[in-house]
C-alpha atoms as a PDB file:
ATOM      1  CA  UNK A   1      88.616 -78.327   8.242  1.00  0.00           C
ATOM      2  CA  UNK A   2      85.347 -78.132  10.123  1.00  0.00           C
ATOM      3  CA  UNK A   3      83.648 -79.648   7.289  1.00  0.00           C
ATOM      4  CA  UNK A   4      86.082 -82.269   7.326  1.00  0.00           C
ATOM      5  CA  UNK A   5      85.060 -82.657  11.204  1.00  0.00           C
ATOM      6  CA  UNK A   6      81.804 -82.848  10.212  1.00  0.00           C
ATOM      7  CA  UNK A   7      81.833 -85.395   7.555  1.00  0.00           C
ATOM      8  CA  UNK A   8      83.864 -87.803   9.568  1.00  0.00           C
ATOM      9  CA  UNK A   9      81.102 -87.242  12.757  1.00  0.00           C
ATOM     10  CA  UNK A  10      77.462 -86.788  11.655  1.00  0.00           C
ATOM     11  CA  UNK A  11      77.988 -89.138   7.742  1.00  0.00           C
ATOM     12  CA  UNK A  12      81.509 -91.451   7.672  1.00  0.00           C
ATOM     13  CA  UNK A  13      79.709 -93.995  10.232  1.00  0.00           C
ATOM     14  CA  UNK A  14      76.557 -94.606   8.071  1.00  0.00           C
ATOM     15  CA  UNK A  15      78.707 -94.242   4.763  1.00  0.00           C
ATOM     16  CA  UNK A  16      80.790 -96.793   5.989  1.00  0.00           C
ATOM     17  CA  UNK A  17      78.247 -99.804   6.449  1.00  0.00           C
ATOM     18  CA  UNK A  18      77.472-100.396   2.946  1.00  0.00           C
ATOM     19  CA  UNK A  19      80.736-102.451   1.999  1.00  0.00           C
ATOM     20  CA  UNK A  20      80.026-102.720  -1.413  1.00  0.00           C
ATOM     21  CA  UNK A  21      80.687 -98.799  -1.335  1.00  0.00           C
ATOM     22  CA  UNK A  22      84.168 -97.998  -0.607  1.00  0.00           C
ATOM     23  CA  UNK A  23      84.223 -93.975   0.564  1.00  0.00           C
ATOM     24  CA  UNK A  24      87.580 -92.183   0.296  1.00  0.00           C
ATOM     25  CA  UNK A  25      88.331 -88.036   1.896  1.00  0.00           C
ATOM     26  CA  UNK A  26      90.556 -86.190   0.279  1.00  0.00           C
ATOM     27  CA  UNK A  27      90.892 -83.538   3.029  1.00  0.00           C
ATOM     28  CA  UNK A  28      93.811 -80.999   1.432  1.00  0.00           C
ATOM     29  CA  UNK A  29      93.221 -79.070   4.826  1.00  0.00           C
ATOM     30  CA  UNK A  30      96.927 -79.084   5.990  1.00  0.00           C
ATOM     31  CA  UNK A  31     100.308 -81.055   5.117  1.00  0.00           C
ATOM     32  CA  UNK A  32      99.523 -84.123   7.448  1.00  0.00           C
ATOM     33  CA  UNK A  33      95.995 -84.715   5.781  1.00  0.00           C
ATOM     34  CA  UNK A  34      97.237 -84.321   2.211  1.00  0.00           C
ATOM     35  CA  UNK A  35      99.669 -86.339   2.739  1.00  0.00           C
ATOM     36  CA  UNK A  36      97.424 -89.910   4.457  1.00  0.00           C
ATOM     37  CA  UNK A  37      95.290 -88.521   1.368  1.00  0.00           C
ATOM     38  CA  UNK A  38      98.107 -89.022  -1.536  1.00  0.00           C
ATOM     39  CA  UNK A  39      98.499 -92.107   0.579  1.00  0.00           C
ATOM     40  CA  UNK A  40      94.589 -93.378  -0.034  1.00  0.00           C
ATOM     41  CA  UNK A  41      94.153 -92.072  -3.259  1.00  0.00           C
ATOM     42  CA  UNK A  42      97.143 -93.986  -4.696  1.00  0.00           C
ATOM     43  CA  UNK A  43      95.938 -96.864  -2.832  1.00  0.00           C
ATOM     44  CA  UNK A  44      92.679 -96.865  -4.726  1.00  0.00           C
ATOM     45  CA  UNK A  45      94.442 -96.002  -7.889  1.00  0.00           C
ATOM     46  CA  UNK A  46      91.936 -92.524  -8.558  1.00  0.00           C
ATOM     47  CA  UNK A  47      95.168 -90.354  -7.771  1.00  0.00           C
ATOM     48  CA  UNK A  48      94.923 -88.823 -11.547  1.00  0.00           C
ATOM     49  CA  UNK A  49      91.285 -88.017 -10.674  1.00  0.00           C
ATOM     50  CA  UNK A  50      91.207 -86.328  -7.657  1.00  0.00           C
ATOM     51  CA  UNK A  51      94.798 -84.317  -8.725  1.00  0.00           C
ATOM     52  CA  UNK A  52      92.432 -82.671 -10.463  1.00  0.00           C
ATOM     53  CA  UNK A  53      89.937 -81.907  -7.913  1.00  0.00           C
ATOM     54  CA  UNK A  54      91.960 -80.055  -5.980  1.00  0.00           C
ATOM     55  CA  UNK A  55      89.337 -76.834  -5.082  1.00  0.00           C
ATOM     56  CA  UNK A  56      87.832 -78.006  -1.230  1.00  0.00           C
ATOM     57  CA  UNK A  57      87.935 -81.671   0.416  1.00  0.00           C
ATOM     58  CA  UNK A  58      86.043 -84.222  -1.863  1.00  0.00           C
ATOM     59  CA  UNK A  59      84.854 -87.567  -1.018  1.00  0.00           C
ATOM     60  CA  UNK A  60      84.716 -89.985  -3.122  1.00  0.00           C
ATOM     61  CA  UNK A  61      82.724 -93.603  -3.497  1.00  0.00           C
ATOM     62  CA  UNK A  62      84.612 -96.349  -5.405  1.00  0.00           C
ATOM     63  CA  UNK A  63      83.319 -99.967  -5.782  1.00  0.00           C
ATOM     64  CA  UNK A  64      84.712-102.055  -3.344  1.00  0.00           C
ATOM     65  CA  UNK A  65      84.851-104.744  -6.124  1.00  0.00           C
ATOM     66  CA  UNK A  66      86.341-102.992  -9.304  1.00  0.00           C
ATOM     67  CA  UNK A  67      87.609-100.131  -7.685  1.00  0.00           C
ATOM     68  CA  UNK A  68      85.834 -98.229 -10.578  1.00  0.00           C
ATOM     69  CA  UNK A  69      84.615 -94.490  -9.912  1.00  0.00           C
ATOM     70  CA  UNK A  70      80.825 -94.241  -9.043  1.00  0.00           C
ATOM     71  CA  UNK A  71      80.645 -90.877  -7.742  1.00  0.00           C
ATOM     72  CA  UNK A  72      82.500 -87.771  -5.798  1.00  0.00           C
ATOM     73  CA  UNK A  73      80.690 -84.554  -3.892  1.00  0.00           C
ATOM     74  CA  UNK A  74      82.369 -81.355  -1.879  1.00  0.00           C
ATOM     75  CA  UNK A  75      82.682 -81.882   1.956  1.00  0.00           C
ATOM     76  CA  UNK A  76      81.644 -78.703   1.562  1.00  0.00           C
ATOM     77  CA  UNK A  77      78.143 -79.478   0.276  1.00  0.00           C
ATOM     78  CA  UNK A  78      75.068 -79.955   3.201  1.00  0.00           C
ATOM     79  CA  UNK A  79      74.624 -83.506   4.471  1.00  0.00           C
ATOM     80  CA  UNK A  80      71.661 -84.134   2.647  1.00  0.00           C
ATOM     81  CA  UNK A  81      73.707 -83.996  -0.761  1.00  0.00           C
ATOM     82  CA  UNK A  82      76.412 -85.974   0.751  1.00  0.00           C
ATOM     83  CA  UNK A  83      74.155 -88.695   1.497  1.00  0.00           C
ATOM     84  CA  UNK A  84      72.227 -88.271  -1.981  1.00  0.00           C
ATOM     85  CA  UNK A  85      75.528 -88.567  -3.650  1.00  0.00           C
ATOM     86  CA  UNK A  86      76.335 -92.156  -1.335  1.00  0.00           C
ATOM     87  CA  UNK A  87      72.834 -92.693  -2.477  1.00  0.00           C
ATOM     88  CA  UNK A  88      73.645 -92.802  -6.506  1.00  0.00           C
ATOM     89  CA  UNK A  89      76.726 -94.445  -5.468  1.00  0.00           C
ATOM     90  CA  UNK A  90      75.163 -97.559  -3.701  1.00  0.00           C
ATOM     91  CA  UNK A  91      72.909 -97.699  -6.749  1.00  0.00           C
ATOM     92  CA  UNK A  92      76.045 -97.976  -9.287  1.00  0.00           C
ATOM     93  CA  UNK A  93      77.633-101.038  -7.368  1.00  0.00           C
ATOM     94  CA  UNK A  94      78.239-104.411  -8.373  1.00  0.00           C
ATOM     95  CA  UNK A  95      76.091-106.107  -5.405  1.00  0.00           C
ATOM     96  CA  UNK A  96      78.568-108.796  -3.970  1.00  0.00           C
END
């Protein structure tokens, strides 16, 4: 739970700035978060992919236009590692 709170507080405002990248957090820390994450993953069309990555909470970066998965990173990683994965995702987007 601590990692999820850190990511939401410290990183999500920055991660939501680029409209070319859709950010989805798969939070498996409790029943309520599992349900809301499952709905977001289904809406994004990557629930089957996410089902294979159930070890920890994950952040997924999708191309906002094509809905193609660009990259994913565990929320247990450092803020620096998460931002590197985000920058990698930004470099792969189809610019609008």
